[in-house]
Protein backbone atom coordinates (compact mmCIF):
# COMPACT_ATOMS: atom_id res chain seq x y z
CA MET A 1 29.41 -138.32 -70.29
CA ASP A 2 27.95 -136.99 -73.38
CA SER A 3 26.64 -133.29 -73.30
CA LYS A 4 22.92 -133.98 -73.68
CA GLN A 5 21.06 -133.92 -70.39
CA HIS A 6 19.21 -137.02 -69.62
CA SER A 7 16.28 -137.64 -67.09
CA ILE A 8 15.93 -140.57 -64.78
CA LEU A 9 12.56 -141.42 -63.01
CA MET A 10 12.91 -143.02 -59.42
CA LEU A 11 10.28 -144.90 -57.69
CA PRO A 12 11.52 -146.27 -54.11
CA TRP A 13 9.69 -148.47 -51.72
CA LEU A 14 7.24 -146.37 -49.53
CA ALA A 15 9.64 -146.12 -46.53
CA HIS A 16 11.63 -143.22 -45.31
CA GLY A 17 14.78 -145.51 -45.10
CA HIS A 18 14.38 -146.42 -48.85
CA ILE A 19 13.42 -142.97 -50.15
CA SER A 20 16.54 -141.11 -48.45
CA PRO A 21 19.37 -143.09 -50.41
CA PHE A 22 17.17 -142.81 -53.40
CA LEU A 23 17.35 -138.97 -52.83
CA GLU A 24 21.18 -139.04 -52.10
CA LEU A 25 21.71 -140.99 -55.42
CA ALA A 26 19.55 -138.36 -57.08
CA LYS A 27 21.85 -135.77 -55.57
CA LYS A 28 24.92 -137.29 -57.10
CA LEU A 29 23.34 -138.03 -60.44
CA SER A 30 22.33 -134.44 -60.72
CA GLN A 31 25.91 -133.31 -60.46
CA ARG A 32 26.84 -135.47 -63.51
CA ASN A 33 24.15 -133.82 -65.91
CA PHE A 34 21.10 -135.98 -64.97
CA ASN A 35 17.77 -134.45 -64.53
CA VAL A 36 15.92 -136.67 -61.83
CA TYR A 37 12.17 -137.10 -60.96
CA LEU A 38 11.87 -138.74 -57.53
CA CYS A 39 8.35 -140.18 -57.19
CA SER A 40 6.46 -141.16 -53.97
CA THR A 41 3.32 -140.56 -52.02
CA PRO A 42 2.55 -137.02 -50.92
CA ILE A 43 2.60 -138.12 -47.31
CA ASN A 44 6.17 -139.43 -47.82
CA LEU A 45 7.31 -136.42 -49.90
CA LYS A 46 6.06 -133.76 -47.44
CA HIS A 47 9.11 -134.42 -45.14
CA PHE A 48 11.50 -133.85 -48.14
CA ARG A 49 9.60 -130.91 -49.46
CA GLU A 50 10.02 -129.21 -46.03
CA THR A 51 13.67 -129.96 -45.58
CA LEU A 52 15.21 -129.83 -49.09
CA SER A 53 16.87 -126.71 -50.65
CA LEU A 54 14.52 -124.87 -52.97
CA ASN A 55 17.41 -124.46 -55.38
CA LEU A 56 17.92 -128.21 -55.57
CA LEU A 57 14.38 -128.90 -56.21
CA SER A 58 13.93 -126.25 -58.93
CA SER A 59 17.04 -127.13 -60.69
CA SER A 60 17.91 -130.77 -61.16
CA ILE A 61 15.68 -132.77 -58.92
CA GLN A 62 11.74 -132.82 -58.93
CA LEU A 63 9.61 -134.54 -56.46
CA ILE A 64 6.59 -136.17 -58.21
CA ASP A 65 3.60 -137.05 -56.37
CA ILE A 66 1.96 -140.57 -57.09
CA HIS A 67 -1.56 -141.10 -55.87
CA LEU A 68 -2.40 -144.53 -54.46
CA PRO A 69 -5.98 -145.58 -54.67
CA SER A 70 -7.49 -144.55 -51.50
CA SER A 71 -9.88 -146.80 -49.08
CA LEU A 72 -11.41 -146.73 -45.89
CA ASP A 73 -8.93 -149.38 -44.57
CA LEU A 74 -6.03 -147.45 -46.06
CA PRO A 75 -6.48 -143.64 -46.29
CA PRO A 76 -3.80 -141.34 -47.56
CA HIS A 77 -2.00 -140.81 -44.47
CA TYR A 78 -1.15 -144.45 -44.39
CA HIS A 79 0.41 -144.45 -47.68
CA THR A 80 3.71 -144.86 -46.02
CA THR A 81 5.29 -147.34 -43.83
CA LYS A 82 5.79 -144.76 -41.14
CA ASN A 83 3.40 -145.32 -38.28
CA LEU A 84 1.76 -147.85 -40.38
CA PRO A 85 -0.22 -150.46 -38.29
CA SER A 86 1.48 -153.81 -38.88
CA HIS A 87 -1.74 -155.36 -39.87
CA LEU A 88 -1.94 -152.88 -42.80
CA LEU A 89 1.36 -153.52 -44.45
CA SER A 90 -0.32 -156.28 -46.84
CA ALA A 91 -2.84 -153.58 -47.82
CA LEU A 92 -0.13 -151.04 -48.32
CA ILE A 93 1.79 -153.39 -50.65
CA THR A 94 -1.36 -154.21 -52.60
CA THR A 95 -2.40 -150.64 -52.99
CA PHE A 96 1.11 -149.78 -54.23
CA ASP A 97 0.61 -152.47 -56.77
CA ASP A 98 -2.81 -150.88 -57.77
CA ALA A 99 -0.97 -147.58 -58.56
CA LYS A 100 0.55 -149.25 -61.73
CA PRO A 101 -1.84 -147.19 -63.94
CA ALA A 102 -0.75 -143.94 -62.18
CA PHE A 103 2.69 -144.74 -62.54
CA PHE A 104 2.31 -145.44 -66.20
CA THR A 105 0.62 -142.06 -66.60
CA ILE A 106 3.64 -140.49 -65.01
CA LEU A 107 6.06 -142.36 -67.20
CA LYS A 108 4.23 -141.28 -70.45
CA THR A 109 3.95 -137.62 -69.25
CA LEU A 110 7.82 -137.33 -68.10
CA LYS A 111 9.21 -139.49 -70.71
CA PRO A 112 12.37 -140.43 -68.90
CA ASP A 113 15.44 -142.00 -70.32
CA LEU A 114 15.61 -144.47 -67.50
CA VAL A 115 13.74 -145.81 -64.52
CA ILE A 116 15.55 -146.73 -61.32
CA TYR A 117 13.23 -148.90 -58.87
CA ASP A 118 13.19 -150.63 -55.53
CA PHE A 119 12.85 -154.12 -54.25
CA LEU A 120 9.21 -154.82 -53.70
CA GLN A 121 7.64 -153.64 -57.14
CA PRO A 122 8.50 -156.02 -60.06
CA TRP A 123 5.70 -154.43 -62.00
CA VAL A 124 7.73 -150.99 -62.46
CA PRO A 125 10.23 -152.66 -65.10
CA ILE A 126 7.38 -154.20 -67.02
CA VAL A 127 5.60 -150.72 -67.41
CA ALA A 128 8.85 -149.17 -68.18
CA HIS A 129 9.69 -151.77 -71.06
CA GLU A 130 6.31 -151.33 -72.52
CA GLU A 131 7.46 -147.72 -73.20
CA ASN A 132 10.91 -149.01 -74.40
CA ILE A 133 12.55 -147.50 -71.36
CA GLU A 134 15.29 -149.48 -69.55
CA ALA A 135 14.87 -150.11 -65.90
CA VAL A 136 17.68 -150.73 -63.22
CA LEU A 137 16.96 -152.13 -59.80
CA PHE A 138 18.73 -149.87 -56.89
CA LEU A 139 19.01 -152.16 -53.57
CA THR A 140 19.39 -149.82 -50.46
CA CYS A 141 20.45 -152.39 -47.83
CA SER A 142 23.59 -154.40 -47.36
CA ALA A 143 25.18 -156.96 -49.59
CA ALA A 144 25.62 -159.21 -46.65
CA SER A 145 21.93 -159.27 -45.81
CA TYR A 146 20.80 -159.44 -49.51
CA SER A 147 23.38 -162.45 -49.69
CA VAL A 148 21.55 -164.01 -46.60
CA LEU A 149 18.25 -163.42 -48.06
CA THR A 150 18.99 -165.00 -51.45
CA HIS A 151 20.70 -167.83 -49.96
CA CYS A 152 17.65 -168.47 -47.81
CA ILE A 153 15.71 -168.47 -51.10
CA ASN A 154 18.08 -171.06 -52.80
CA ASP A 155 18.44 -173.46 -49.85
CA PRO A 156 16.70 -172.47 -46.71
CA ASN A 157 17.86 -175.74 -44.92
CA LYS A 158 21.70 -175.19 -45.61
CA ASP A 159 24.16 -173.10 -43.42
CA SER A 160 25.33 -169.70 -44.80
CA PRO A 161 28.94 -170.07 -46.54
CA PHE A 162 29.94 -167.22 -44.25
CA GLN A 163 30.54 -168.47 -40.74
CA GLU A 164 30.30 -164.78 -39.44
CA LEU A 165 26.90 -164.48 -41.04
CA ASN A 166 25.40 -167.75 -39.86
CA PHE A 167 22.01 -167.10 -38.20
CA SER A 168 20.18 -168.47 -35.35
CA LYS A 169 16.88 -170.51 -35.76
CA ASP A 170 15.01 -167.42 -34.50
CA GLN A 171 16.58 -165.15 -37.18
CA GLY A 172 16.15 -167.90 -39.74
CA ASP A 173 12.49 -168.15 -39.18
CA LYS A 174 12.19 -164.34 -39.50
CA ILE A 175 13.74 -164.60 -42.75
CA ILE A 176 11.49 -167.37 -43.96
CA TRP A 177 8.43 -165.47 -42.62
CA PHE A 178 9.68 -162.52 -44.62
CA LEU A 179 10.22 -164.32 -47.81
CA ASP A 180 6.68 -166.05 -47.69
CA TYR A 181 4.79 -163.12 -46.68
CA THR A 182 2.14 -162.75 -49.33
CA SER A 183 0.04 -159.74 -50.46
CA ASN A 184 -1.94 -159.53 -53.57
CA GLY A 185 -1.32 -163.14 -54.20
CA VAL A 186 2.33 -162.54 -54.56
CA THR A 187 5.04 -163.52 -51.78
CA ASN A 188 7.81 -161.30 -51.15
CA LYS A 189 10.21 -163.95 -52.56
CA GLU A 190 8.60 -163.74 -55.92
CA ARG A 191 8.77 -160.00 -55.79
CA PHE A 192 12.29 -159.72 -55.16
CA LEU A 193 13.42 -162.25 -57.52
CA GLY A 194 11.16 -160.48 -60.01
CA CYS A 195 12.83 -157.23 -59.33
CA ILE A 196 16.31 -158.83 -60.00
CA GLU A 197 15.43 -160.76 -62.89
CA ARG A 198 13.86 -157.65 -64.73
CA SER A 199 16.60 -155.39 -63.91
CA SER A 200 18.73 -154.38 -67.09
CA SER A 201 22.17 -156.02 -67.18
CA PHE A 202 23.16 -154.98 -63.65
CA VAL A 203 21.87 -154.11 -60.21
CA LEU A 204 22.86 -151.02 -58.07
CA ILE A 205 23.61 -151.48 -54.47
CA ARG A 206 24.22 -148.87 -51.41
CA THR A 207 27.54 -150.27 -50.33
CA SER A 208 31.33 -150.08 -50.79
CA ASN A 209 33.66 -152.86 -51.83
CA ILE A 210 35.97 -151.39 -48.99
CA ILE A 211 33.72 -153.02 -46.52
CA GLU A 212 31.74 -155.75 -48.46
CA ALA A 213 33.64 -156.73 -51.43
CA LYS A 214 33.16 -160.63 -50.85
CA TYR A 215 29.44 -160.24 -50.03
CA VAL A 216 29.01 -158.25 -53.22
CA ASP A 217 30.72 -160.86 -55.22
CA HIS A 218 28.63 -163.63 -53.40
CA PHE A 219 25.46 -161.86 -54.26
CA CYS A 220 26.43 -161.40 -57.75
CA GLY A 221 27.30 -165.23 -58.08
CA LEU A 222 23.82 -165.99 -56.40
CA VAL A 223 21.58 -163.90 -58.71
CA SER A 224 24.01 -164.25 -61.78
CA LYS A 225 23.86 -160.57 -62.41
CA GLU A 226 26.41 -157.84 -62.07
CA ILE A 227 26.16 -156.07 -58.77
CA VAL A 228 27.52 -152.46 -58.76
CA PRO A 229 28.15 -150.54 -55.39
CA VAL A 230 27.29 -146.99 -55.54
CA GLY A 231 28.82 -145.96 -52.34
CA PRO A 232 27.38 -145.20 -48.87
CA LEU A 233 25.29 -142.36 -50.02
CA VAL A 234 25.56 -140.63 -46.59
CA GLN A 235 24.06 -136.99 -46.24
CA ASN A 236 26.52 -134.36 -45.38
CA PRO A 237 25.95 -132.91 -41.84
CA THR A 238 24.89 -129.22 -41.74
CA ARG A 239 23.97 -127.31 -38.64
CA ASN A 240 21.10 -124.90 -38.40
CA GLY A 241 19.29 -122.88 -35.75
CA ASP A 242 16.72 -125.48 -35.08
CA ASP A 243 19.17 -127.87 -33.29
CA GLU A 244 20.89 -125.27 -31.09
CA VAL A 245 19.80 -126.87 -27.73
CA ILE A 246 21.22 -130.19 -28.59
CA MET A 247 24.57 -128.57 -30.24
CA GLU A 248 24.95 -126.30 -27.16
CA TRP A 249 24.86 -129.30 -24.93
CA LEU A 250 27.30 -130.98 -26.96
CA ASP A 251 29.58 -128.25 -27.10
CA LYS A 252 30.05 -128.32 -23.50
CA LYS A 253 31.41 -131.79 -23.61
CA GLU A 254 34.80 -132.91 -23.90
CA VAL A 255 35.96 -134.52 -27.29
CA SER A 256 34.58 -138.21 -27.95
CA SER A 257 33.22 -138.09 -24.50
CA ALA A 258 29.40 -138.97 -25.34
CA VAL A 259 27.51 -141.57 -26.87
CA PHE A 260 24.57 -141.06 -29.05
CA VAL A 261 21.67 -143.59 -28.75
CA SER A 262 19.12 -144.15 -31.44
CA PHE A 263 17.17 -146.97 -32.94
CA GLY A 264 15.90 -145.47 -36.43
CA SER A 265 12.71 -144.00 -37.31
CA GLU A 266 10.73 -147.32 -37.63
CA CYS A 267 12.09 -149.30 -34.76
CA PHE A 268 10.18 -148.92 -31.50
CA LEU A 269 11.25 -150.33 -28.14
CA SER A 270 9.35 -152.33 -25.54
CA LYS A 271 8.95 -150.47 -22.19
CA GLN A 272 11.35 -153.51 -20.83
CA GLU A 273 13.92 -152.61 -23.40
CA ILE A 274 13.69 -148.88 -22.79
CA GLU A 275 14.20 -149.65 -18.91
CA GLU A 276 17.34 -151.89 -19.58
CA ILE A 277 19.03 -149.31 -21.83
CA ALA A 278 18.18 -146.41 -19.26
CA HIS A 279 19.77 -148.51 -16.47
CA GLY A 280 22.60 -149.62 -18.77
CA LEU A 281 23.34 -145.91 -19.69
CA GLU A 282 23.28 -144.95 -16.12
CA LEU A 283 25.37 -147.65 -15.03
CA SER A 284 28.19 -146.67 -17.59
CA THR A 285 28.45 -143.15 -16.24
CA VAL A 286 29.20 -142.03 -19.81
CA SER A 287 27.41 -138.70 -21.11
CA PHE A 288 24.65 -139.55 -23.67
CA ILE A 289 22.09 -138.18 -25.98
CA TRP A 290 19.28 -140.78 -26.21
CA VAL A 291 16.49 -140.33 -28.94
CA VAL A 292 13.31 -142.22 -27.75
CA ARG A 293 10.60 -142.86 -30.23
CA PHE A 294 7.08 -144.14 -29.95
CA HIS A 295 5.03 -145.74 -32.64
CA GLY A 296 2.54 -142.92 -34.04
CA GLY A 297 -0.36 -144.91 -33.01
CA GLU A 298 0.54 -144.94 -29.41
CA LYS A 299 -0.79 -141.52 -28.51
CA THR A 300 -1.04 -142.48 -24.88
CA ARG A 301 2.59 -143.31 -24.14
CA VAL A 302 4.34 -140.65 -22.26
CA LEU A 303 8.08 -140.45 -21.89
CA HIS A 304 8.50 -140.02 -18.04
CA GLU A 305 6.08 -143.15 -17.71
CA VAL A 306 8.16 -145.69 -19.69
CA LEU A 307 11.78 -144.41 -18.12
CA PRO A 308 12.66 -145.86 -14.77
CA GLU A 309 11.39 -143.87 -11.87
CA GLY A 310 13.73 -141.00 -10.95
CA PHE A 311 15.99 -141.68 -14.11
CA LEU A 312 15.92 -138.14 -15.55
CA GLU A 313 16.69 -136.58 -12.11
CA ARG A 314 19.25 -138.78 -11.33
CA ILE A 315 21.26 -138.49 -14.92
CA GLY A 316 21.14 -134.68 -14.68
CA ASP A 317 23.42 -133.04 -17.09
CA MET A 318 25.12 -136.22 -17.79
CA GLY A 319 22.46 -137.26 -20.40
CA MET A 320 19.88 -135.58 -22.77
CA VAL A 321 16.76 -137.58 -23.62
CA VAL A 322 15.04 -136.42 -26.76
CA GLU A 323 11.62 -137.54 -27.81
CA GLY A 324 10.74 -138.20 -31.49
CA TRP A 325 13.37 -136.87 -33.62
CA ALA A 326 16.97 -135.55 -33.61
CA PRO A 327 19.37 -134.57 -36.36
CA GLN A 328 21.38 -137.82 -36.41
CA ALA A 329 24.01 -136.85 -39.00
CA LYS A 330 24.78 -133.57 -37.20
CA ILE A 331 25.16 -135.10 -33.75
CA LEU A 332 27.49 -138.10 -35.12
CA GLY A 333 29.51 -135.40 -37.04
CA HIS A 334 30.08 -133.55 -33.72
CA PRO A 335 33.39 -133.86 -32.24
CA SER A 336 32.15 -134.70 -28.54
CA VAL A 337 30.52 -137.71 -29.79
CA GLY A 338 32.84 -140.93 -29.54
CA GLY A 339 30.11 -143.73 -29.73
CA PHE A 340 26.86 -144.61 -31.61
CA MET A 341 24.54 -147.12 -29.98
CA SER A 342 22.42 -148.27 -32.81
CA HIS A 343 19.95 -150.90 -34.03
CA CYS A 344 22.06 -151.26 -37.04
CA GLY A 345 19.84 -150.35 -39.80
CA TRP A 346 21.88 -150.03 -42.85
CA GLY A 347 21.58 -146.22 -43.25
CA SER A 348 22.54 -145.57 -39.64
CA THR A 349 25.44 -148.03 -39.81
CA LEU A 350 26.97 -146.41 -43.01
CA GLU A 351 26.38 -142.93 -41.30
CA GLY A 352 28.21 -143.94 -38.21
CA VAL A 353 31.06 -145.54 -40.31
CA MET A 354 31.47 -142.50 -42.61
CA LEU A 355 31.48 -140.11 -39.79
CA SER A 356 34.16 -142.16 -38.10
CA VAL A 357 32.22 -142.98 -34.97
CA PRO A 358 32.41 -146.55 -33.57
CA ILE A 359 29.30 -148.57 -33.42
CA ILE A 360 27.77 -150.25 -30.16
CA ALA A 361 25.53 -152.67 -32.05
CA MET A 362 22.06 -153.52 -30.75
CA PRO A 363 20.13 -155.09 -33.60
CA MET A 364 16.34 -155.64 -33.43
CA ASN A 365 14.98 -157.46 -36.59
CA VAL A 366 14.98 -157.82 -40.31
CA ASP A 367 18.54 -157.16 -41.85
CA GLN A 368 20.18 -155.68 -38.61
CA PRO A 369 21.57 -158.83 -37.07
CA PHE A 370 23.48 -159.30 -40.21
CA ASN A 371 24.62 -155.63 -40.33
CA ALA A 372 25.90 -156.09 -36.68
CA LYS A 373 27.84 -158.96 -37.53
CA LEU A 374 29.43 -156.96 -40.16
CA VAL A 375 30.22 -154.12 -38.06
CA VAL A 376 32.05 -156.60 -35.83
CA GLU A 377 33.74 -158.41 -38.62
CA ILE A 378 35.22 -155.22 -39.98
CA GLY A 379 36.43 -154.05 -36.61
CA VAL A 380 34.25 -150.87 -36.59
CA GLY A 381 32.12 -151.76 -33.44
CA LYS A 382 31.04 -154.18 -30.87
CA GLU A 383 27.67 -155.98 -30.69
CA VAL A 384 25.70 -155.97 -27.13
CA LYS A 385 24.65 -159.69 -26.77
CA ARG A 386 21.50 -160.79 -25.56
CA GLU A 387 21.45 -163.25 -22.65
CA ASN A 388 19.75 -165.97 -24.68
CA GLU A 389 18.42 -165.90 -28.41
CA ASN A 390 14.99 -164.38 -27.56
CA GLU A 391 15.83 -162.72 -24.37
CA ARG A 392 16.10 -159.00 -24.24
CA PHE A 393 19.35 -156.83 -23.61
CA LYS A 394 20.61 -156.87 -20.05
CA ARG A 395 21.67 -153.43 -18.50
CA GLU A 396 25.11 -154.83 -17.11
CA GLU A 397 25.98 -155.88 -20.75
CA VAL A 398 24.89 -152.41 -22.17
CA ALA A 399 27.08 -150.65 -19.75
CA ARG A 400 30.01 -152.99 -20.14
CA LEU A 401 29.85 -152.43 -23.83
CA ILE A 402 29.57 -148.62 -23.60
CA LYS A 403 32.51 -148.38 -21.38
CA GLN A 404 34.61 -150.71 -23.60
CA VAL A 405 34.03 -148.57 -26.68
CA MET A 406 34.43 -145.12 -25.01
CA ASP A 407 37.33 -146.00 -22.76
CA GLN A 408 40.50 -144.36 -23.82
CA GLU A 409 42.58 -147.55 -24.05
CA ASP A 410 39.90 -150.20 -24.62
CA GLY A 411 38.37 -148.48 -27.29
CA LYS A 412 41.56 -147.38 -29.14
CA GLU A 413 41.57 -150.20 -31.48
CA VAL A 414 38.14 -149.63 -32.65
CA ARG A 415 38.48 -145.96 -33.01
CA THR A 416 41.32 -146.33 -35.09
CA LYS A 417 39.82 -148.85 -37.43
CA VAL A 418 36.56 -146.84 -38.23
CA LYS A 419 38.50 -143.85 -38.94
CA GLU A 420 40.77 -146.00 -41.42
CA VAL A 421 37.77 -147.50 -42.99
CA SER A 422 36.02 -144.02 -43.26
CA GLU A 423 39.06 -142.63 -44.97
CA ARG A 424 39.37 -145.42 -47.49
CA MET A 425 35.49 -145.15 -48.31
CA ARG A 426 35.92 -141.46 -49.12
CA GLU A 427 39.22 -142.00 -51.19
CA LYS A 428 37.29 -144.80 -52.99
CA SER A 429 33.84 -143.06 -53.81
CA GLY A 430 34.88 -141.03 -56.78
CA GLU A 431 36.23 -143.91 -58.65
CA GLN A 432 33.36 -145.99 -57.56
CA PHE A 433 30.57 -143.65 -58.76
CA ASP A 434 32.65 -143.16 -62.13
CA LEU A 435 31.87 -146.65 -62.74
CA VAL A 436 28.25 -146.25 -61.97
CA MET A 437 27.98 -143.47 -64.33
CA GLU A 438 29.47 -145.37 -67.01
CA LYS A 439 27.08 -148.22 -66.52
CA LEU A 440 24.19 -145.84 -66.45
CA VAL A 441 25.11 -143.71 -69.55
CA GLN A 442 25.53 -147.05 -71.44
CA ILE A 443 21.88 -148.11 -70.56
CA VAL A 444 20.47 -144.57 -71.24
CA ARG A 445 22.22 -144.75 -74.78
CA LYS A 446 20.79 -148.09 -75.35
CA SER A 447 17.29 -147.07 -74.20
C-alpha cells in the first residue's frame, strides 16, 4: 500500500450485530494505514465508547455520532434495534432514511476517501457519489443466507439449487415477509438490491472461502458482482476483572466438560422455550453456563419465575445461569468449554468455529436456520430438531444433542472437524485480507 494515510467512513445498520463486525473490520484496516470513522447513533456507540481502548479510539478509529430526527414515537433511546418494540421497526428505518442530510454534513466535514455501508440504506452510496467518493457495500451475514435471499428475489417459487439449504414453507414465508416489508414506501427487497447495485465494482462479505466457497460463488453469480470475503472478523477474547465470577467457576471444571448456552443479544425466548431448554440441560447432566435475556420492554419478567420450579436448586454447582450479558468470546475461549448451544446468528457461529467449539444449533428465525444447516454441512456442529416445522424444541432432543456433542467418543468427530476448520481459517486469513486491501486501495486511488 502507498505511504499516504487514507480515511474511510463507515455507516452500519443500527444493530449491535452489524456494528460489531464493522468495528472489527475497522481495526484490521487501521493496522494497514487507514484512518477509520465509524458512524452510528449515540445510543449505539455508548457501549463501544465504554468498552474500547482509549488508545485505539484516539489514534486510528474515531466514533462519530449521527443524530436521527427525534419524534414522540421514536425518541433517541429507540435509535437502535436493541430493545426496540417490533411495531417501531418501520419507524426506525424511515427515521434512518431521514438522517440523509446529517450524513451528508458528516461526509462534507470529514472528506473521507471511501465510504463503507450496510444493506438497508441504498441512499448512502448516492450521497457519497454526489461528493465523488466511492462507496462499497459490506454484508455482515453468511453468503449462504444472502444466496437464499437473492434466490427468493429472483424466483420465490423455485427450489434452492443447494439441497442442504432448501427451506421449509414456514421459512420461505418468513423470507418473503422480510423482502416485502415496506418502510418509507420502499421494500427491503428494493433496499437490498439498491445497495448491491450501487456498490463499487465489488461487495465485501463477512465470511471465509474455507467454509463458504460455493455459496460465495453462487451469490456472485446471482448479483453479477464480485463478492470478496473479508474473513470471520472475530474479536480476540481478553480476560478482565469484571468477569472473575464466571471465569473462576469455569476454572474449576474439567477440560471441555461444560456447554455454553446463549441466544444472542436480540433473540428472546418464550417461557415455554426457556422451560424446555432448562429441562434439557438438567436431563443431560452436563455442566453449563446459560445466558438468559429478556426484552428491554419486559420489565416485569423475573428469572426464577420463567425457569421450572426448583430448577436452580436442583442443578446446584452443575450449572450457572446468568441474566442479561456474559463475555461470550472469553467463555468460548476457556478450555473448560466443549460445546456452544447457539441460535446460530452469524457472528456467534463464526465465533464458535474460530474458537474451536462445536456448535449445538437451535436456530430461531431470519438467517439462523441457514447458518445452522451450514454448521451441519461442514461438520462443525449438530442441529437440535423441532418436533414439527412450527413446534417448539423438546427437552429430550435438547439433552440428546448435548450428550452427543459433549461425549468423549460420540463427539470426537465434530471436535476434530471444528479444530481443523478453525486452523485452516486462521492460516488463510492473512492472504484473504491482502486481497481485500488490494481491492480497497484500487478504489481509493480511483476516488
